[in-house]
């Protein structure tokens, strides 16, 4: 990606099409992590991790039940985890490896988790937003909630504007 000298605009470089092996037929979300050479996709129950070349690296089925669908996914580079959030409010931490391995489950949200976001510069922390009117900051090294912000309405998405400001 190229930025103009003032840093206000970018000009994407469009390369050849890449077919993602074993990608779910119906994709709910797709994210790219160039630093880990990953394109990851997820559907309601499963997730696939492909290299930037499209080759399958990891595929996980039945990450939740048909009654409790996946709402978002993020990857933590520090611990080689990936996190899935669900419609019921759970956030499940998985080890990013060939064999599916659950590491921990956060159960502090009581309605659908709508957004998960990693915090740049804080590799052990992540932010979750929910329809239960809360935004929570949690720790992956101690598996605890650190902060809980209660809002007048549910939050559908969260984006960090910097390491200290979110919207």
Foldseek 3Di string as FASTA:
>chain_A
DAADPVRPDGDDDDDDDAAAPPADPDWPDWDDDVVVQWIKTDDFFWIWTAGVNRHTDEIDGRPDDPVKGWQDKDAQPVQQWMWTFTQQGKIWIWHNDHDTDTDDIDRPDRGGWQEKAQQPPQRQWIWIFGQSQWIWIAGNVVGGTDDIDGHPGGDNYKDAPHNPDID
